[in-house]
Amino acid sequence: MHRTMFDTPILNVLLRRLALFLMWLFGWRIEGKLPDTPKFVLIAAPHTSNWDLPVMLCLAFAFRTGLFWMGKDTLFRRPFGAIMRWLGGIPIDRSKSHNVVEQSAEHFRKAESLVMVVPPEGTRQKVRYWKTGFYRIAESAGVPIALGFLDYRRKVGGFGPTVVPTGDIEADMETIQAFYANITGKHSDQFDQADVTPSGQ
């Protein structure tokens, strides 16, 4: 994969120190441990606020791992393409016949290591159902799903258990649901038990 801010020499060290300082300053703690595998899909949930991104980035530096995220290929055109890639962006061409799931899975197949962040809600606004793209990507690529979380009530973020897709999406989603049942987003009214029911999309 291309070089990002997470593996840029010197800057990486400075950003990690800054991230740890900010977490201490605002009272955030880390919990769990990084999955013992070089490639996995990372659920970023609950996603209810713009603050989720900077907190997530601080956690990534704290855990010493780089993150990649999907974006429309139009975001990667000049003059901002290089910057978007440096920030961890992976361009996805939605106009092609092969879908986002297959394109994402292909990135996993080509990479020696890859942590791809996928917010299952697809938006920070209130949603009734989670999209299941994160599950389909992991299943197609043959990689596990790490349950990342931001609990604003406890001011704790990190990694929960890892789920290996079995093909039985309903059963696997029940496992995921059980973990997120007591996780509180910044805007808790935008995330509840109904939100972790698969939409089939």
Protein backbone atom coordinates (compact mmCIF):
# COMPACT_ATOMS: atom_id res chain seq x y z
CA MET A 1 0.00 0.00 0.00
CA HIS A 2 1.02 3.61 -0.42
CA ARG A 3 2.78 5.54 2.35
CA THR A 4 0.53 7.37 4.80
CA MET A 5 0.90 9.72 7.75
CA PHE A 6 1.04 6.62 9.98
CA ASP A 7 4.34 5.42 8.53
CA THR A 8 6.02 8.72 7.58
CA PRO A 9 9.39 8.81 9.42
CA ILE A 10 9.79 11.32 12.27
CA LEU A 11 6.31 12.73 11.72
CA ASN A 12 4.85 9.42 12.88
CA VAL A 13 6.68 9.72 16.21
CA LEU A 14 5.59 13.32 16.69
CA LEU A 15 1.97 12.55 15.85
CA ARG A 16 1.92 9.60 18.24
CA ARG A 17 3.21 11.74 21.08
CA LEU A 18 0.64 14.40 20.24
CA ALA A 19 -2.12 11.76 20.13
CA LEU A 20 -1.18 10.36 23.53
CA PHE A 21 -1.03 13.86 25.01
CA LEU A 22 -4.47 14.76 23.65
CA MET A 23 -5.96 11.55 24.97
CA TRP A 24 -4.52 12.28 28.41
CA LEU A 25 -5.68 15.90 28.24
CA PHE A 26 -9.28 14.96 27.44
CA GLY A 27 -9.38 11.96 29.76
CA TRP A 28 -9.56 9.18 27.16
CA ARG A 29 -8.21 5.68 27.81
CA ILE A 30 -7.51 2.74 25.52
CA GLU A 31 -8.84 -0.76 26.03
CA GLY A 32 -8.25 -4.10 24.33
CA LYS A 33 -5.45 -5.07 22.02
CA LEU A 34 -4.70 -4.97 18.33
CA PRO A 35 -5.77 -8.16 16.50
CA ASP A 36 -2.87 -10.53 15.89
CA THR A 37 -3.25 -10.48 12.12
CA PRO A 38 -1.87 -8.10 9.48
CA LYS A 39 -5.16 -7.73 7.58
CA PHE A 40 -8.66 -7.08 8.87
CA VAL A 41 -11.78 -4.97 8.43
CA LEU A 42 -12.26 -2.57 11.32
CA ILE A 43 -15.78 -1.57 12.31
CA ALA A 44 -15.79 2.06 13.43
CA ALA A 45 -18.84 2.33 15.67
CA PRO A 46 -20.89 4.00 16.86
CA HIS A 47 -20.40 6.76 14.29
CA THR A 48 -22.55 9.65 15.54
CA SER A 49 -20.29 12.72 15.46
CA ASN A 50 -17.54 14.47 13.52
CA TRP A 51 -15.44 14.09 16.68
CA ASP A 52 -15.23 10.36 16.00
CA LEU A 53 -12.53 10.89 13.36
CA PRO A 54 -9.92 12.74 15.48
CA VAL A 55 -10.53 10.37 18.42
CA MET A 56 -10.15 7.38 16.10
CA LEU A 57 -6.89 8.76 14.69
CA CYS A 58 -5.51 9.29 18.19
CA LEU A 59 -6.38 5.69 19.02
CA ALA A 60 -4.68 4.45 15.86
CA PHE A 61 -1.44 6.17 16.85
CA ALA A 62 -1.79 4.90 20.43
CA PHE A 63 -2.09 1.33 19.12
CA ARG A 64 0.72 1.92 16.60
CA THR A 65 -1.36 0.90 13.61
CA GLY A 66 -2.14 2.59 10.32
CA LEU A 67 -5.67 2.92 9.01
CA PHE A 68 -7.08 3.02 5.50
CA TRP A 69 -10.51 4.19 4.45
CA MET A 70 -12.52 4.05 1.23
CA GLY A 71 -13.41 7.15 -0.77
CA LYS A 72 -14.91 8.02 -4.14
CA ASP A 73 -12.23 8.15 -6.81
CA THR A 74 -13.16 11.76 -7.57
CA LEU A 75 -11.66 12.75 -4.21
CA PHE A 76 -8.26 11.59 -5.41
CA ARG A 77 -7.94 13.80 -8.45
CA ARG A 78 -5.39 16.59 -8.66
CA PRO A 79 -4.43 18.64 -6.73
CA PHE A 80 -5.58 16.78 -3.63
CA GLY A 81 -5.03 13.16 -4.67
CA ALA A 82 -1.63 12.75 -3.03
CA ILE A 83 -2.86 14.31 0.21
CA MET A 84 -5.92 12.06 0.35
CA ARG A 85 -3.74 8.98 -0.11
CA TRP A 86 -1.33 10.22 2.55
CA LEU A 87 -4.28 10.50 4.92
CA GLY A 88 -5.02 6.81 4.29
CA GLY A 89 -7.58 7.07 1.52
CA ILE A 90 -8.17 4.27 -1.00
CA PRO A 91 -9.97 5.34 -4.21
CA ILE A 92 -13.06 3.35 -5.17
CA ASP A 93 -14.60 3.69 -8.63
CA ARG A 94 -18.36 3.32 -8.14
CA SER A 95 -19.02 3.62 -11.88
CA LYS A 96 -17.37 0.30 -12.71
CA SER A 97 -19.38 -2.86 -13.09
CA HIS A 98 -17.60 -4.61 -10.23
CA ASN A 99 -18.90 -3.25 -6.95
CA VAL A 100 -17.31 -1.63 -3.92
CA VAL A 101 -17.11 -4.94 -2.05
CA GLU A 102 -15.06 -6.60 -4.77
CA GLN A 103 -12.78 -3.59 -5.23
CA SER A 104 -12.13 -3.47 -1.49
CA ALA A 105 -11.50 -7.22 -1.34
CA GLU A 106 -9.01 -6.87 -4.18
CA HIS A 107 -7.03 -4.31 -2.15
CA PHE A 108 -6.80 -6.86 0.65
CA ARG A 109 -5.56 -9.55 -1.73
CA LYS A 110 -2.79 -7.32 -3.07
CA ALA A 111 -1.62 -5.94 0.29
CA GLU A 112 0.70 -7.66 2.76
CA SER A 113 -0.96 -5.76 5.59
CA LEU A 114 -4.14 -3.67 5.58
CA VAL A 115 -6.54 -2.30 8.19
CA MET A 116 -9.61 -0.96 6.40
CA VAL A 117 -12.01 1.16 8.44
CA VAL A 118 -15.69 0.80 7.53
CA PRO A 119 -18.40 2.64 9.52
CA PRO A 120 -21.35 0.21 9.30
CA GLU A 121 -23.96 2.95 9.60
CA GLY A 122 -22.62 4.58 6.42
CA THR A 123 -23.36 7.99 7.97
CA ARG A 124 -23.13 9.74 11.34
CA GLN A 125 -26.88 10.53 11.17
CA LYS A 126 -29.57 8.40 12.83
CA VAL A 127 -30.09 5.15 10.92
CA ARG A 128 -32.45 2.24 11.43
CA TYR A 129 -30.22 -0.46 10.00
CA TRP A 130 -26.53 -1.06 9.58
CA LYS A 131 -25.27 -1.58 6.06
CA THR A 132 -23.62 -4.97 5.67
CA GLY A 133 -20.83 -3.91 3.32
CA PHE A 134 -18.19 -4.35 6.03
CA TYR A 135 -19.27 -7.99 6.45
CA ARG A 136 -19.32 -8.68 2.71
CA ILE A 137 -15.86 -7.16 2.27
CA ALA A 138 -14.36 -9.28 5.05
CA GLU A 139 -16.11 -12.42 3.78
CA SER A 140 -14.95 -11.89 0.21
CA ALA A 141 -11.37 -11.04 1.21
CA GLY A 142 -11.13 -13.87 3.73
CA VAL A 143 -10.17 -11.57 6.60
CA PRO A 144 -11.63 -11.15 10.11
CA ILE A 145 -13.71 -8.24 11.42
CA ALA A 146 -12.29 -6.33 14.39
CA LEU A 147 -14.88 -4.65 16.60
CA GLY A 148 -13.49 -1.19 17.16
CA PHE A 149 -15.40 1.15 19.45
CA LEU A 150 -15.62 4.65 20.91
CA ASP A 151 -17.48 4.72 24.22
CA TYR A 152 -18.07 8.36 25.08
CA ARG A 153 -19.78 7.56 28.37
CA ARG A 154 -16.64 5.94 29.79
CA LYS A 155 -14.24 7.87 27.53
CA VAL A 156 -12.69 4.60 26.42
CA GLY A 157 -11.82 3.52 22.90
CA GLY A 158 -10.12 0.54 21.41
CA PHE A 159 -10.64 -3.02 20.23
CA GLY A 160 -13.19 -5.59 21.30
CA PRO A 161 -13.28 -9.18 20.03
CA THR A 162 -12.55 -10.27 16.49
CA VAL A 163 -15.28 -11.94 14.46
CA VAL A 164 -14.46 -14.33 11.62
CA PRO A 165 -17.31 -14.35 9.06
CA THR A 166 -18.95 -17.77 8.98
CA GLY A 167 -21.34 -17.04 6.11
CA ASP A 168 -24.27 -17.02 8.54
CA ILE A 169 -24.67 -13.26 8.63
CA GLU A 170 -27.61 -13.28 11.03
CA ALA A 171 -25.73 -15.29 13.64
CA ASP A 172 -22.56 -13.26 13.22
CA MET A 173 -24.49 -10.00 13.50
CA GLU A 174 -26.03 -11.22 16.75
CA THR A 175 -22.51 -11.66 18.12
CA ILE A 176 -21.61 -8.15 17.00
CA GLN A 177 -24.86 -6.79 18.45
CA ALA A 178 -24.10 -8.28 21.85
CA PHE A 179 -20.77 -6.46 21.97
CA TYR A 180 -22.10 -3.02 20.98
CA ALA A 181 -25.18 -3.22 23.21
CA ASN A 182 -23.51 -1.23 26.00
CA ILE A 183 -21.36 1.10 23.90
CA THR A 184 -22.42 4.76 24.02
CA GLY A 185 -21.73 7.12 21.10
CA LYS A 186 -21.29 10.86 21.53
CA HIS A 187 -24.92 11.33 20.46
CA SER A 188 -26.44 8.26 22.08
CA ASP A 189 -29.90 8.93 20.66
CA GLN A 190 -28.51 8.12 17.18
CA PHE A 191 -27.44 4.59 18.11
CA ASP A 192 -29.60 1.89 19.66
CA GLN A 193 -30.28 -1.84 19.51
CA ALA A 194 -32.26 -1.55 16.26
CA ASP A 195 -29.24 -0.09 14.51
CA VAL A 196 -27.28 -3.34 14.52
CA THR A 197 -29.80 -5.32 12.52
CA PRO A 198 -28.45 -6.16 9.03
CA SER A 199 -30.22 -4.41 6.15
CA GLY A 200 -29.12 -6.94 3.55
CA GLN A 201 -27.38 -4.17 1.57
